[in-house]
Amino acid sequence: MTAEADQDTVAEVLTALADPTRRRILDALAAHGEATATVLAGELPVSRQAIVKHLAVLDRAGLVASHRAGREARYAVRPARLSVTARWMDRVAADWDSRLTAIKRLAEDASAEDASADRTPDRS
C-alpha cells in the first residue's frame, strides 16, 4: 500500500470511528466474533435500522465484512485497516515523543546554563 493510500485509509477509518455508536458496534462484534444487525440492536440502545446504517459506514471504511447466513447478513470485524491506522498513530506519537524530548533537553540545558551563570562570581 502506498503512503497516499495509507493516508486515505486512515482518514476513512477515523471518520468511521468518530461516532461512538460505531465504536460500540465494533466492540460488540469483536466480543461476538460475528453478529447480525438484529443481535447488535438487541445489545445497543439503537434501532436495527440505525445499526444497519452504521454497519454500512463501517463496511465502506473497510472495518467490517458481511456474509449471508440464510436470510440474515452476519458481520465481523476486519482488522487490517485498524492496523494501518494504529501504525499511523504510532508514528505520530513517536514523532511527538521525539519533539518533546528535544524540547525537554533544550529546557534542561538552558536551566543548567542559568544555574551555572548564577554561581559564577561577578568580577567587575
PDB file of N, CA and C in Angstrom:
ATOM      1  N   MET A   1       0.843  -1.177   0.000  1.00  0.00           N
ATOM      2  CA  MET A   1       0.000   0.000   0.000  1.00  0.00           C
ATOM      3  C   MET A   1       0.888   1.240   0.000  1.00  0.00           C
ATOM      4  N   THR A   2       0.523   2.226  -0.788  1.00  0.00           N
ATOM      5  CA  THR A   2       1.311   3.449  -0.873  1.00  0.00           C
ATOM      6  C   THR A   2       1.015   4.353   0.313  1.00  0.00           C
ATOM      7  N   ALA A   3       1.893   5.322   0.502  1.00  0.00           N
ATOM      8  CA  ALA A   3       1.693   6.265   1.614  1.00  0.00           C
ATOM      9  C   ALA A   3       0.394   7.039   1.423  1.00  0.00           C
ATOM     10  N   GLU A   4       0.068   7.381   0.177  1.00  0.00           N
ATOM     11  CA  GLU A   4      -1.173   8.111  -0.088  1.00  0.00           C
ATOM     12  C   GLU A   4      -2.390   7.234   0.219  1.00  0.00           C
ATOM     13  N   ALA A   5      -2.321   5.974  -0.163  1.00  0.00           N
ATOM     14  CA  ALA A   5      -3.420   5.052   0.136  1.00  0.00           C
ATOM     15  C   ALA A   5      -3.556   4.861   1.645  1.00  0.00           C
ATOM     16  N   ASP A   6      -2.408   4.787   2.336  1.00  0.00           N
ATOM     17  CA  ASP A   6      -2.455   4.679   3.803  1.00  0.00           C
ATOM     18  C   ASP A   6      -3.155   5.895   4.405  1.00  0.00           C
ATOM     19  N   GLN A   7      -2.852   7.085   3.894  1.00  0.00           N
ATOM     20  CA  GLN A   7      -3.480   8.303   4.419  1.00  0.00           C
ATOM     21  C   GLN A   7      -4.982   8.295   4.166  1.00  0.00           C
ATOM     22  N   ASP A   8      -5.390   7.817   2.977  1.00  0.00           N
ATOM     23  CA  ASP A   8      -6.818   7.717   2.678  1.00  0.00           C
ATOM     24  C   ASP A   8      -7.489   6.725   3.630  1.00  0.00           C
ATOM     25  N   THR A   9      -6.826   5.595   3.868  1.00  0.00           N
ATOM     26  CA  THR A   9      -7.358   4.587   4.779  1.00  0.00           C
ATOM     27  C   THR A   9      -7.528   5.166   6.172  1.00  0.00           C
ATOM     28  N   VAL A  10      -6.497   5.848   6.652  1.00  0.00           N
ATOM     29  CA  VAL A  10      -6.552   6.437   7.996  1.00  0.00           C
ATOM     30  C   VAL A  10      -7.704   7.428   8.083  1.00  0.00           C
ATOM     31  N   ALA A  11      -7.870   8.259   7.074  1.00  0.00           N
ATOM     32  CA  ALA A  11      -8.955   9.244   7.090  1.00  0.00           C
ATOM     33  C   ALA A  11     -10.321   8.554   7.125  1.00  0.00           C
ATOM     34  N   GLU A  12     -10.495   7.519   6.320  1.00  0.00           N
ATOM     35  CA  GLU A  12     -11.771   6.801   6.308  1.00  0.00           C
ATOM     36  C   GLU A  12     -12.039   6.124   7.648  1.00  0.00           C
ATOM     37  N   VAL A  13     -11.025   5.504   8.207  1.00  0.00           N
ATOM     38  CA  VAL A  13     -11.187   4.805   9.480  1.00  0.00           C
ATOM     39  C   VAL A  13     -11.507   5.798  10.601  1.00  0.00           C
ATOM     40  N   LEU A  14     -10.757   6.885  10.671  1.00  0.00           N
ATOM     41  CA  LEU A  14     -11.010   7.861  11.740  1.00  0.00           C
ATOM     42  C   LEU A  14     -12.388   8.493  11.602  1.00  0.00           C
ATOM     43  N   THR A  15     -12.816   8.741  10.375  1.00  0.00           N
ATOM     44  CA  THR A  15     -14.158   9.279  10.163  1.00  0.00           C
ATOM     45  C   THR A  15     -15.210   8.286  10.656  1.00  0.00           C
ATOM     46  N   ALA A  16     -15.036   7.017  10.312  1.00  0.00           N
ATOM     47  CA  ALA A  16     -15.995   5.995  10.755  1.00  0.00           C
ATOM     48  C   ALA A  16     -15.983   5.847  12.273  1.00  0.00           C
ATOM     49  N   LEU A  17     -14.800   5.927  12.873  1.00  0.00           N
ATOM     50  CA  LEU A  17     -14.689   5.735  14.323  1.00  0.00           C
ATOM     51  C   LEU A  17     -15.052   6.979  15.127  1.00  0.00           C
ATOM     52  N   ALA A  18     -15.303   8.085  14.456  1.00  0.00           N
ATOM     53  CA  ALA A  18     -15.653   9.315  15.168  1.00  0.00           C
ATOM     54  C   ALA A  18     -16.994   9.188  15.890  1.00  0.00           C
ATOM     55  N   ASP A  19     -17.832   8.288  15.422  1.00  0.00           N
ATOM     56  CA  ASP A  19     -19.146   8.110  16.033  1.00  0.00           C
ATOM     57  C   ASP A  19     -19.078   7.068  17.153  1.00  0.00           C
ATOM     58  N   PRO A  20     -19.497   7.418  18.360  1.00  0.00           N
ATOM     59  CA  PRO A  20     -19.411   6.471  19.484  1.00  0.00           C
ATOM     60  C   PRO A  20     -20.261   5.214  19.279  1.00  0.00           C
ATOM     61  N   THR A  21     -21.381   5.331  18.573  1.00  0.00           N
ATOM     62  CA  THR A  21     -22.201   4.148  18.329  1.00  0.00           C
ATOM     63  C   THR A  21     -21.456   3.159  17.447  1.00  0.00           C
ATOM     64  N   ARG A  22     -20.744   3.653  16.449  1.00  0.00           N
ATOM     65  CA  ARG A  22     -19.977   2.751  15.584  1.00  0.00           C
ATOM     66  C   ARG A  22     -18.851   2.077  16.363  1.00  0.00           C
ATOM     67  N   ARG A  23     -18.240   2.805  17.289  1.00  0.00           N
ATOM     68  CA  ARG A  23     -17.209   2.175  18.125  1.00  0.00           C
ATOM     69  C   ARG A  23     -17.813   1.075  18.988  1.00  0.00           C
ATOM     70  N   ARG A  24     -18.997   1.322  19.523  1.00  0.00           N
ATOM     71  CA  ARG A  24     -19.674   0.307  20.340  1.00  0.00           C
ATOM     72  C   ARG A  24     -20.052  -0.905  19.495  1.00  0.00           C
ATOM     73  N   ILE A  25     -20.453  -0.673  18.258  1.00  0.00           N
ATOM     74  CA  ILE A  25     -20.767  -1.780  17.350  1.00  0.00           C
ATOM     75  C   ILE A  25     -19.516  -2.616  17.110  1.00  0.00           C
ATOM     76  N   LEU A  26     -18.392  -1.956  16.846  1.00  0.00           N
ATOM     77  CA  LEU A  26     -17.140  -2.704  16.648  1.00  0.00           C
ATOM     78  C   LEU A  26     -16.770  -3.493  17.890  1.00  0.00           C
ATOM     79  N   ASP A  27     -16.928  -2.889  19.061  1.00  0.00           N
ATOM     80  CA  ASP A  27     -16.645  -3.607  20.309  1.00  0.00           C
ATOM     81  C   ASP A  27     -17.529  -4.847  20.437  1.00  0.00           C
ATOM     82  N   ALA A  28     -18.812  -4.689  20.133  1.00  0.00           N
ATOM     83  CA  ALA A  28     -19.739  -5.821  20.234  1.00  0.00           C
ATOM     84  C   ALA A  28     -19.374  -6.908  19.225  1.00  0.00           C
ATOM     85  N   LEU A  29     -19.033  -6.511  18.019  1.00  0.00           N
ATOM     86  CA  LEU A  29     -18.631  -7.500  17.015  1.00  0.00           C
ATOM     87  C   LEU A  29     -17.352  -8.220  17.435  1.00  0.00           C
ATOM     88  N   ALA A  30     -16.431  -7.483  17.989  1.00  0.00           N
ATOM     89  CA  ALA A  30     -15.182  -8.104  18.451  1.00  0.00           C
ATOM     90  C   ALA A  30     -15.473  -9.115  19.558  1.00  0.00           C
ATOM     91  N   ALA A  31     -16.407  -8.792  20.431  1.00  0.00           N
ATOM     92  CA  ALA A  31     -16.756  -9.707  21.524  1.00  0.00           C
ATOM     93  C   ALA A  31     -17.461 -10.966  21.001  1.00  0.00           C
ATOM     94  N   HIS A  32     -18.301 -10.796  19.990  1.00  0.00           N
ATOM     95  CA  HIS A  32     -19.066 -11.924  19.442  1.00  0.00           C
ATOM     96  C   HIS A  32     -18.296 -12.717  18.388  1.00  0.00           C
ATOM     97  N   GLY A  33     -17.342 -12.104  17.752  1.00  0.00           N
ATOM     98  CA  GLY A  33     -16.711 -12.725  16.598  1.00  0.00           C
ATOM     99  C   GLY A  33     -17.470 -12.341  15.343  1.00  0.00           C
ATOM    100  N   GLU A  34     -18.752 -12.539  15.352  1.00  0.00           N
ATOM    101  CA  GLU A  34     -19.637 -12.047  14.304  1.00  0.00           C
ATOM    102  C   GLU A  34     -21.049 -11.980  14.859  1.00  0.00           C
ATOM    103  N   ALA A  35     -21.872 -11.137  14.232  1.00  0.00           N
ATOM    104  CA  ALA A  35     -23.246 -10.967  14.708  1.00  0.00           C
ATOM    105  C   ALA A  35     -24.087 -10.356  13.609  1.00  0.00           C
ATOM    106  N   THR A  36     -25.388 -10.483  13.782  1.00  0.00           N
ATOM    107  CA  THR A  36     -26.338  -9.857  12.855  1.00  0.00           C
ATOM    108  C   THR A  36     -26.716  -8.477  13.380  1.00  0.00           C
ATOM    109  N   ALA A  37     -27.330  -7.689  12.520  1.00  0.00           N
ATOM    110  CA  ALA A  37     -27.808  -6.372  12.936  1.00  0.00           C
ATOM    111  C   ALA A  37     -28.862  -6.519  14.032  1.00  0.00           C
ATOM    112  N   THR A  38     -29.653  -7.565  13.954  1.00  0.00           N
ATOM    113  CA  THR A  38     -30.686  -7.802  14.964  1.00  0.00           C
ATOM    114  C   THR A  38     -30.069  -8.055  16.338  1.00  0.00           C
ATOM    115  N   VAL A  39     -29.035  -8.876  16.370  1.00  0.00           N
ATOM    116  CA  VAL A  39     -28.350  -9.158  17.640  1.00  0.00           C
ATOM    117  C   VAL A  39     -27.740  -7.873  18.192  1.00  0.00           C
ATOM    118  N   LEU A  40     -27.082  -7.110  17.330  1.00  0.00           N
ATOM    119  CA  LEU A  40     -26.450  -5.859  17.775  1.00  0.00           C
ATOM    120  C   LEU A  40     -27.496  -4.879  18.299  1.00  0.00           C
ATOM    121  N   ALA A  41     -28.630  -4.783  17.613  1.00  0.00           N
ATOM    122  CA  ALA A  41     -29.696  -3.876  18.058  1.00  0.00           C
ATOM    123  C   ALA A  41     -30.249  -4.307  19.412  1.00  0.00           C
ATOM    124  N   GLY A  42     -30.220  -5.601  19.696  1.00  0.00           N
ATOM    125  CA  GLY A  42     -30.686  -6.084  20.990  1.00  0.00           C
ATOM    126  C   GLY A  42     -29.740  -5.724  22.124  1.00  0.00           C
ATOM    127  N   GLU A  43     -28.495  -5.459  21.795  1.00  0.00           N
ATOM    128  CA  GLU A  43     -27.491  -5.132  22.823  1.00  0.00           C
ATOM    129  C   GLU A  43     -27.237  -3.637  22.974  1.00  0.00           C
ATOM    130  N   LEU A  44     -27.566  -2.887  21.951  1.00  0.00           N
ATOM    131  CA  LEU A  44     -27.272  -1.447  21.970  1.00  0.00           C
ATOM    132  C   LEU A  44     -28.577  -0.653  21.975  1.00  0.00           C
ATOM    133  N   PRO A  45     -28.552   0.539  22.532  1.00  0.00           N
ATOM    134  CA  PRO A  45     -29.773   1.348  22.589  1.00  0.00           C
ATOM    135  C   PRO A  45     -30.043   2.077  21.269  1.00  0.00           C
ATOM    136  N   VAL A  46     -30.040   1.291  20.176  1.00  0.00           N
ATOM    137  CA  VAL A  46     -30.210   1.848  18.834  1.00  0.00           C
ATOM    138  C   VAL A  46     -31.109   0.893  18.058  1.00  0.00           C
ATOM    139  N   SER A  47     -31.916   1.440  17.173  1.00  0.00           N
ATOM    140  CA  SER A  47     -32.805   0.582  16.389  1.00  0.00           C
ATOM    141  C   SER A  47     -32.009  -0.270  15.397  1.00  0.00           C
ATOM    142  N   ARG A  48     -32.625  -1.335  14.928  1.00  0.00           N
ATOM    143  CA  ARG A  48     -31.976  -2.198  13.955  1.00  0.00           C
ATOM    144  C   ARG A  48     -31.647  -1.408  12.681  1.00  0.00           C
ATOM    145  N   GLN A  49     -32.566  -0.531  12.260  1.00  0.00           N
ATOM    146  CA  GLN A  49     -32.331   0.272  11.062  1.00  0.00           C
ATOM    147  C   GLN A  49     -31.102   1.168  11.237  1.00  0.00           C
ATOM    148  N   ALA A  50     -30.960   1.744  12.412  1.00  0.00           N
ATOM    149  CA  ALA A  50     -29.789   2.587  12.677  1.00  0.00           C
ATOM    150  C   ALA A  50     -28.514   1.743  12.675  1.00  0.00           C
ATOM    151  N   ILE A  51     -28.587   0.550  13.248  1.00  0.00           N
ATOM    152  CA  ILE A  51     -27.430  -0.357  13.250  1.00  0.00           C
ATOM    153  C   ILE A  51     -27.012  -0.655  11.818  1.00  0.00           C
ATOM    154  N   VAL A  52     -27.982  -0.950  10.954  1.00  0.00           N
ATOM    155  CA  VAL A  52     -27.683  -1.263   9.555  1.00  0.00           C
ATOM    156  C   VAL A  52     -26.983  -0.080   8.882  1.00  0.00           C
ATOM    157  N   LYS A  53     -27.441   1.124   9.159  1.00  0.00           N
ATOM    158  CA  LYS A  53     -26.792   2.311   8.573  1.00  0.00           C
ATOM    159  C   LYS A  53     -25.362   2.467   9.086  1.00  0.00           C
ATOM    160  N   HIS A  54     -25.168   2.255  10.379  1.00  0.00           N
ATOM    161  CA  HIS A  54     -23.814   2.339  10.948  1.00  0.00           C
ATOM    162  C   HIS A  54     -22.919   1.240  10.376  1.00  0.00           C
ATOM    163  N   LEU A  55     -23.470   0.048  10.207  1.00  0.00           N
ATOM    164  CA  LEU A  55     -22.686  -1.048   9.621  1.00  0.00           C
ATOM    165  C   LEU A  55     -22.281  -0.723   8.184  1.00  0.00           C
ATOM    166  N   ALA A  56     -23.136  -0.024   7.458  1.00  0.00           N
ATOM    167  CA  ALA A  56     -22.794   0.378   6.081  1.00  0.00           C
ATOM    168  C   ALA A  56     -21.600   1.330   6.078  1.00  0.00           C
ATOM    169  N   VAL A  57     -21.569   2.257   7.029  1.00  0.00           N
ATOM    170  CA  VAL A  57     -20.432   3.186   7.138  1.00  0.00           C
ATOM    171  C   VAL A  57     -19.165   2.405   7.486  1.00  0.00           C
ATOM    172  N   LEU A  58     -19.275   1.497   8.446  1.00  0.00           N
ATOM    173  CA  LEU A  58     -18.119   0.687   8.843  1.00  0.00           C
ATOM    174  C   LEU A  58     -17.647  -0.195   7.687  1.00  0.00           C
ATOM    175  N   ASP A  59     -18.576  -0.697   6.897  1.00  0.00           N
ATOM    176  CA  ASP A  59     -18.227  -1.516   5.735  1.00  0.00           C
ATOM    177  C   ASP A  59     -17.496  -0.679   4.687  1.00  0.00           C
ATOM    178  N   ARG A  60     -17.991   0.517   4.390  1.00  0.00           N
ATOM    179  CA  ARG A  60     -17.323   1.404   3.414  1.00  0.00           C
ATOM    180  C   ARG A  60     -15.912   1.757   3.865  1.00  0.00           C
ATOM    181  N   ALA A  61     -15.710   1.855   5.173  1.00  0.00           N
ATOM    182  CA  ALA A  61     -14.380   2.166   5.710  1.00  0.00           C
ATOM    183  C   ALA A  61     -13.498   0.922   5.767  1.00  0.00           C
ATOM    184  N   GLY A  62     -14.065  -0.231   5.422  1.00  0.00           N
ATOM    185  CA  GLY A  62     -13.296  -1.469   5.433  1.00  0.00           C
ATOM    186  C   GLY A  62     -13.087  -2.052   6.820  1.00  0.00           C
ATOM    187  N   LEU A  63     -13.920  -1.652   7.771  1.00  0.00           N
ATOM    188  CA  LEU A  63     -13.754  -2.112   9.148  1.00  0.00           C
ATOM    189  C   LEU A  63     -14.578  -3.353   9.479  1.00  0.00           C
ATOM    190  N   VAL A  64     -15.604  -3.628   8.688  1.00  0.00           N
ATOM    191  CA  VAL A  64     -16.392  -4.843   8.875  1.00  0.00           C
ATOM    192  C   VAL A  64     -16.605  -5.504   7.521  1.00  0.00           C
ATOM    193  N   ALA A  65     -16.861  -6.782   7.569  1.00  0.00           N
ATOM    194  CA  ALA A  65     -17.234  -7.550   6.382  1.00  0.00           C
ATOM    195  C   ALA A  65     -18.506  -8.304   6.710  1.00  0.00           C
ATOM    196  N   SER A  66     -19.299  -8.579   5.691  1.00  0.00           N
ATOM    197  CA  SER A  66     -20.533  -9.329   5.932  1.00  0.00           C
ATOM    198  C   SER A  66     -20.602 -10.528   4.998  1.00  0.00           C
ATOM    199  N   HIS A  67     -21.352 -11.512   5.446  1.00  0.00           N
ATOM    200  CA  HIS A  67     -21.662 -12.656   4.592  1.00  0.00           C
ATOM    201  C   HIS A  67     -23.066 -13.108   4.916  1.00  0.00           C
ATOM    202  N   ARG A  68     -23.716 -13.705   3.955  1.00  0.00           N
ATOM    203  CA  ARG A  68     -25.088 -14.170   4.139  1.00  0.00           C
ATOM    204  C   ARG A  68     -25.102 -15.511   4.847  1.00  0.00           C
ATOM    205  N   ALA A  69     -25.980 -15.625   5.815  1.00  0.00           N
ATOM    206  CA  ALA A  69     -26.230 -16.898   6.503  1.00  0.00           C
ATOM    207  C   ALA A  69     -27.744 -17.074   6.494  1.00  0.00           C
ATOM    208  N   GLY A  70     -28.237 -17.769   5.489  1.00  0.00           N
ATOM    209  CA  GLY A  70     -29.687 -17.879   5.340  1.00  0.00           C
ATOM    210  C   GLY A  70     -30.249 -16.540   4.915  1.00  0.00           C
ATOM    211  N   ARG A  71     -31.199 -16.049   5.677  1.00  0.00           N
ATOM    212  CA  ARG A  71     -31.843 -14.764   5.343  1.00  0.00           C
ATOM    213  C   ARG A  71     -31.138 -13.565   5.946  1.00  0.00           C
ATOM    214  N   GLU A  72     -30.183 -13.790   6.814  1.00  0.00           N
ATOM    215  CA  GLU A  72     -29.554 -12.675   7.520  1.00  0.00           C
ATOM    216  C   GLU A  72     -28.114 -12.451   7.065  1.00  0.00           C
ATOM    217  N   ALA A  73     -27.695 -11.216   7.222  1.00  0.00           N
ATOM    218  CA  ALA A  73     -26.281 -10.878   6.980  1.00  0.00           C
ATOM    219  C   ALA A  73     -25.568 -10.922   8.331  1.00  0.00           C
ATOM    220  N   ARG A  74     -24.451 -11.593   8.359  1.00  0.00           N
ATOM    221  CA  ARG A  74     -23.633 -11.668   9.576  1.00  0.00           C
ATOM    222  C   ARG A  74     -22.405 -10.795   9.340  1.00  0.00           C
ATOM    223  N   TYR A  75     -22.076  -9.997  10.349  1.00  0.00           N
ATOM    224  CA  TYR A  75     -20.969  -9.046  10.249  1.00  0.00           C
ATOM    225  C   TYR A  75     -19.829  -9.452  11.181  1.00  0.00           C
ATOM    226  N   ALA A  76     -18.616  -9.159  10.750  1.00  0.00           N
ATOM    227  CA  ALA A  76     -17.424  -9.421  11.566  1.00  0.00           C
ATOM    228  C   ALA A  76     -16.432  -8.285  11.351  1.00  0.00           C
ATOM    229  N   VAL A  77     -15.597  -8.064  12.335  1.00  0.00           N
ATOM    230  CA  VAL A  77     -14.564  -7.016  12.251  1.00  0.00           C
ATOM    231  C   VAL A  77     -13.486  -7.451  11.264  1.00  0.00           C
ATOM    232  N   ARG A  78     -13.045  -6.512  10.452  1.00  0.00           N
ATOM    233  CA  ARG A  78     -11.888  -6.704   9.572  1.00  0.00           C
ATOM    234  C   ARG A  78     -10.766  -5.851  10.155  1.00  0.00           C
ATOM    235  N   PRO A  79      -9.752  -6.438  10.752  1.00  0.00           N
ATOM    236  CA  PRO A  79      -8.747  -5.674  11.491  1.00  0.00           C
ATOM    237  C   PRO A  79      -7.672  -4.991  10.644  1.00  0.00           C
ATOM    238  N   ALA A  80      -7.554  -5.314   9.364  1.00  0.00           N
ATOM    239  CA  ALA A  80      -6.432  -4.787   8.571  1.00  0.00           C
ATOM    240  C   ALA A  80      -6.381  -3.260   8.562  1.00  0.00           C
ATOM    241  N   ARG A  81      -7.501  -2.617   8.327  1.00  0.00           N
ATOM    242  CA  ARG A  81      -7.494  -1.146   8.272  1.00  0.00           C
ATOM    243  C   ARG A  81      -7.307  -0.523   9.651  1.00  0.00           C
ATOM    244  N   LEU A  82      -7.750  -1.223  10.682  1.00  0.00           N
ATOM    245  CA  LEU A  82      -7.465  -0.751  12.035  1.00  0.00           C
ATOM    246  C   LEU A  82      -5.960  -0.800  12.287  1.00  0.00           C
ATOM    247  N   SER A  83      -5.311  -1.839  11.789  1.00  0.00           N
ATOM    248  CA  SER A  83      -3.860  -1.974  11.958  1.00  0.00           C
ATOM    249  C   SER A  83      -3.115  -0.858  11.235  1.00  0.00           C
ATOM    250  N   VAL A  84      -3.540  -0.528  10.017  1.00  0.00           N
ATOM    251  CA  VAL A  84      -2.914   0.578   9.273  1.00  0.00           C
ATOM    252  C   VAL A  84      -3.052   1.873  10.066  1.00  0.00           C
ATOM    253  N   THR A  85      -4.227   2.103  10.621  1.00  0.00           N
ATOM    254  CA  THR A  85      -4.472   3.322  11.397  1.00  0.00           C
ATOM    255  C   THR A  85      -3.655   3.322  12.684  1.00  0.00           C
ATOM    256  N   ALA A  86      -3.556   2.181  13.337  1.00  0.00           N
ATOM    257  CA  ALA A  86      -2.756   2.085  14.568  1.00  0.00           C
ATOM    258  C   ALA A  86      -1.282   2.365  14.276  1.00  0.00           C
ATOM    259  N   ARG A  87      -0.773   1.847  13.154  1.00  0.00           N
ATOM    260  CA  ARG A  87       0.631   2.125  12.792  1.00  0.00           C
ATOM    261  C   ARG A  87       0.835   3.609  12.530  1.00  0.00           C
ATOM    262  N   TRP A  88      -0.127   4.263  11.872  1.00  0.00           N
ATOM    263  CA  TRP A  88      -0.024   5.706  11.637  1.00  0.00           C
ATOM    264  C   TRP A  88      -0.012   6.451  12.966  1.00  0.00           C
ATOM    265  N   MET A  89      -0.901   6.060  13.879  1.00  0.00           N
ATOM    266  CA  MET A  89      -0.958   6.714  15.189  1.00  0.00           C
ATOM    267  C   MET A  89       0.343   6.498  15.961  1.00  0.00           C
ATOM    268  N   ASP A  90       0.934   5.318  15.846  1.00  0.00           N
ATOM    269  CA  ASP A  90       2.225   5.048  16.495  1.00  0.00           C
ATOM    270  C   ASP A  90       3.314   5.964  15.942  1.00  0.00           C
ATOM    271  N   ARG A  91       3.312   6.165  14.612  1.00  0.00           N
ATOM    272  CA  ARG A  91       4.313   7.063  14.005  1.00  0.00           C
ATOM    273  C   ARG A  91       4.126   8.501  14.489  1.00  0.00           C
ATOM    274  N   VAL A  92       2.877   8.948  14.535  1.00  0.00           N
ATOM    275  CA  VAL A  92       2.599  10.307  15.015  1.00  0.00           C
ATOM    276  C   VAL A  92       3.038  10.451  16.469  1.00  0.00           C
ATOM    277  N   ALA A  93       2.733   9.457  17.286  1.00  0.00           N
ATOM    278  CA  ALA A  93       3.119   9.503  18.702  1.00  0.00           C
ATOM    279  C   ALA A  93       4.635   9.517  18.855  1.00  0.00           C
ATOM    280  N   ALA A  94       5.323   8.711  18.044  1.00  0.00           N
ATOM    281  CA  ALA A  94       6.791   8.675  18.113  1.00  0.00           C
ATOM    282  C   ALA A  94       7.376  10.021  17.708  1.00  0.00           C
ATOM    283  N   ASP A  95       6.804  10.655  16.679  1.00  0.00           N
ATOM    284  CA  ASP A  95       7.278  11.985  16.271  1.00  0.00           C
ATOM    285  C   ASP A  95       7.102  12.989  17.402  1.00  0.00           C
ATOM    286  N   TRP A  96       5.944  12.964  18.053  1.00  0.00           N
ATOM    287  CA  TRP A  96       5.695  13.885  19.164  1.00  0.00           C
ATOM    288  C   TRP A  96       6.623  13.591  20.340  1.00  0.00           C
ATOM    289  N   ASP A  97       6.862  12.320  20.614  1.00  0.00           N
ATOM    290  CA  ASP A  97       7.787  11.964  21.692  1.00  0.00           C
ATOM    291  C   ASP A  97       9.178  12.520  21.410  1.00  0.00           C
ATOM    292  N   SER A  98       9.628  12.412  20.161  1.00  0.00           N
ATOM    293  CA  SER A  98      10.942  12.946  19.787  1.00  0.00           C
ATOM    294  C   SER A  98      10.982  14.457  19.967  1.00  0.00           C
ATOM    295  N   ARG A  99       9.928  15.125  19.538  1.00  0.00           N
ATOM    296  CA  ARG A  99       9.875  16.590  19.673  1.00  0.00           C
ATOM    297  C   ARG A  99       9.871  17.004  21.139  1.00  0.00           C
ATOM    298  N   LEU A 100       9.075  16.319  21.938  1.00  0.00           N
ATOM    299  CA  LEU A 100       9.011  16.658  23.365  1.00  0.00           C
ATOM    300  C   LEU A 100      10.336  16.381  24.062  1.00  0.00           C
ATOM    301  N   THR A 101      11.023  15.305  23.681  1.00  0.00           N
ATOM    302  CA  THR A 101      12.335  15.002  24.247  1.00  0.00           C
ATOM    303  C   THR A 101      13.324  16.103  23.898  1.00  0.00           C
ATOM    304  N   ALA A 102      13.285  16.582  22.651  1.00  0.00           N
ATOM    305  CA  ALA A 102      14.185  17.665  22.232  1.00  0.00           C
ATOM    306  C   ALA A 102      13.883  18.947  23.002  1.00  0.00           C
ATOM    307  N   ILE A 103      12.620  19.262  23.197  1.00  0.00           N
ATOM    308  CA  ILE A 103      12.243  20.460  23.957  1.00  0.00           C
ATOM    309  C   ILE A 103      12.705  20.331  25.402  1.00  0.00           C
ATOM    310  N   LYS A 104      12.509  19.151  25.979  1.00  0.00           N
ATOM    311  CA  LYS A 104      12.941  18.928  27.363  1.00  0.00           C
ATOM    312  C   LYS A 104      14.449  19.109  27.481  1.00  0.00           C
ATOM    313  N   ARG A 105      15.187  18.547  26.527  1.00  0.00           N
ATOM    314  CA  ARG A 105      16.645  18.660  26.550  1.00  0.00           C
ATOM    315  C   ARG A 105      17.067  20.139  26.457  1.00  0.00           C
ATOM    316  N   LEU A 106      16.439  20.899  25.575  1.00  0.00           N
ATOM    317  CA  LEU A 106      16.754  22.324  25.457  1.00  0.00           C
ATOM    318  C   LEU A 106      16.446  23.075  26.754  1.00  0.00           C
ATOM    319  N   ALA A 107      15.309  22.759  27.368  1.00  0.00           N
ATOM    320  CA  ALA A 107      14.937  23.431  28.611  1.00  0.00           C
ATOM    321  C   ALA A 107      15.910  23.082  29.732  1.00  0.00           C
ATOM    322  N   GLU A 108      16.307  21.815  29.804  1.00  0.00           N
ATOM    323  CA  GLU A 108      17.258  21.404  30.840  1.00  0.00           C
ATOM    324  C   GLU A 108      18.624  22.035  30.620  1.00  0.00           C
ATOM    325  N   ASP A 109      19.076  22.112  29.356  1.00  0.00           N
ATOM    326  CA  ASP A 109      20.358  22.754  29.048  1.00  0.00           C
ATOM    327  C   ASP A 109      20.325  24.237  29.414  1.00  0.00           C
ATOM    328  N   ALA A 110      19.217  24.903  29.091  1.00  0.00           N
ATOM    329  CA  ALA A 110      19.092  26.323  29.416  1.00  0.00           C
ATOM    330  C   ALA A 110      19.069  26.522  30.925  1.00  0.00           C
ATOM    331  N   SER A 111      18.385  25.646  31.630  1.00  0.00           N
ATOM    332  CA  SER A 111      18.316  25.730  33.083  1.00  0.00           C
ATOM    333  C   SER A 111      19.697  25.511  33.699  1.00  0.00           C
ATOM    334  N   ALA A 112      20.438  24.555  33.168  1.00  0.00           N
ATOM    335  CA  ALA A 112      21.790  24.279  33.674  1.00  0.00           C
ATOM    336  C   ALA A 112      22.708  25.475  33.411  1.00  0.00           C
ATOM    337  N   GLU A 113      22.578  26.105  32.243  1.00  0.00           N
ATOM    338  CA  GLU A 113      23.397  27.287  31.943  1.00  0.00           C
ATOM    339  C   GLU A 113      23.061  28.439  32.869  1.00  0.00           C
ATOM    340  N   ASP A 114      21.770  28.629  33.157  1.00  0.00           N
ATOM    341  CA  ASP A 114      21.354  29.691  34.076  1.00  0.00           C
ATOM    342  C   ASP A 114      21.898  29.441  35.477  1.00  0.00           C
ATOM    343  N   ALA A 115      21.847  28.204  35.926  1.00  0.00           N
ATOM    344  CA  ALA A 115      22.355  27.858  37.254  1.00  0.00           C
ATOM    345  C   ALA A 115      23.854  28.074  37.312  1.00  0.00           C
ATOM    346  N   SER A 116      24.545  27.734  36.258  1.00  0.00           N
ATOM    347  CA  SER A 116      25.994  27.912  36.195  1.00  0.00           C
ATOM    348  C   SER A 116      26.354  29.394  36.211  1.00  0.00           C
ATOM    349  N   ALA A 117      25.572  30.191  35.504  1.00  0.00           N
ATOM    350  CA  ALA A 117      25.826  31.635  35.464  1.00  0.00           C
ATOM    351  C   ALA A 117      25.583  32.261  36.826  1.00  0.00           C
ATOM    352  N   ASP A 118      24.617  31.752  37.576  1.00  0.00           N
ATOM    353  CA  ASP A 118      24.312  32.285  38.913  1.00  0.00           C
ATOM    354  C   ASP A 118      25.432  32.009  39.891  1.00  0.00           C
ATOM    355  N   ARG A 119      26.182  30.912  39.696  1.00  0.00           N
ATOM    356  CA  ARG A 119      27.258  30.545  40.630  1.00  0.00           C
ATOM    357  C   ARG A 119      28.566  31.220  40.283  1.00  0.00           C
ATOM    358  N   THR A 120      28.711  31.736  39.088  1.00  0.00           N
ATOM    359  CA  THR A 120      29.951  32.386  38.685  1.00  0.00           C
ATOM    360  C   THR A 120      30.048  33.732  39.364  1.00  0.00           C
ATOM    361  N   PRO A 121      31.172  33.980  40.100  1.00  0.00           N
ATOM    362  CA  PRO A 121      31.306  35.288  40.788  1.00  0.00           C
ATOM    363  C   PRO A 121      31.451  36.410  39.770  1.00  0.00           C
ATOM    364  N   ASP A 122      30.861  37.551  40.103  1.00  0.00           N
ATOM    365  CA  ASP A 122      30.964  38.745  39.267  1.00  0.00           C
ATOM    366  C   ASP A 122      32.286  39.413  39.538  1.00  0.00           C
ATOM    367  N   ARG A 123      33.143  39.589  38.533  1.00  0.00           N
ATOM    368  CA  ARG A 123      34.488  40.155  38.715  1.00  0.00           C
ATOM    369  C   ARG A 123      34.571  41.607  38.258  1.00  0.00           C
ATOM    370  N   SER A 124      33.524  42.335  38.310  1.00  0.00           N
ATOM    371  CA  SER A 124      33.605  43.717  37.859  1.00  0.00           C
ATOM    372  C   SER A 124      34.105  44.647  38.910  1.00  0.00           C
TER     373      SER A 124
END
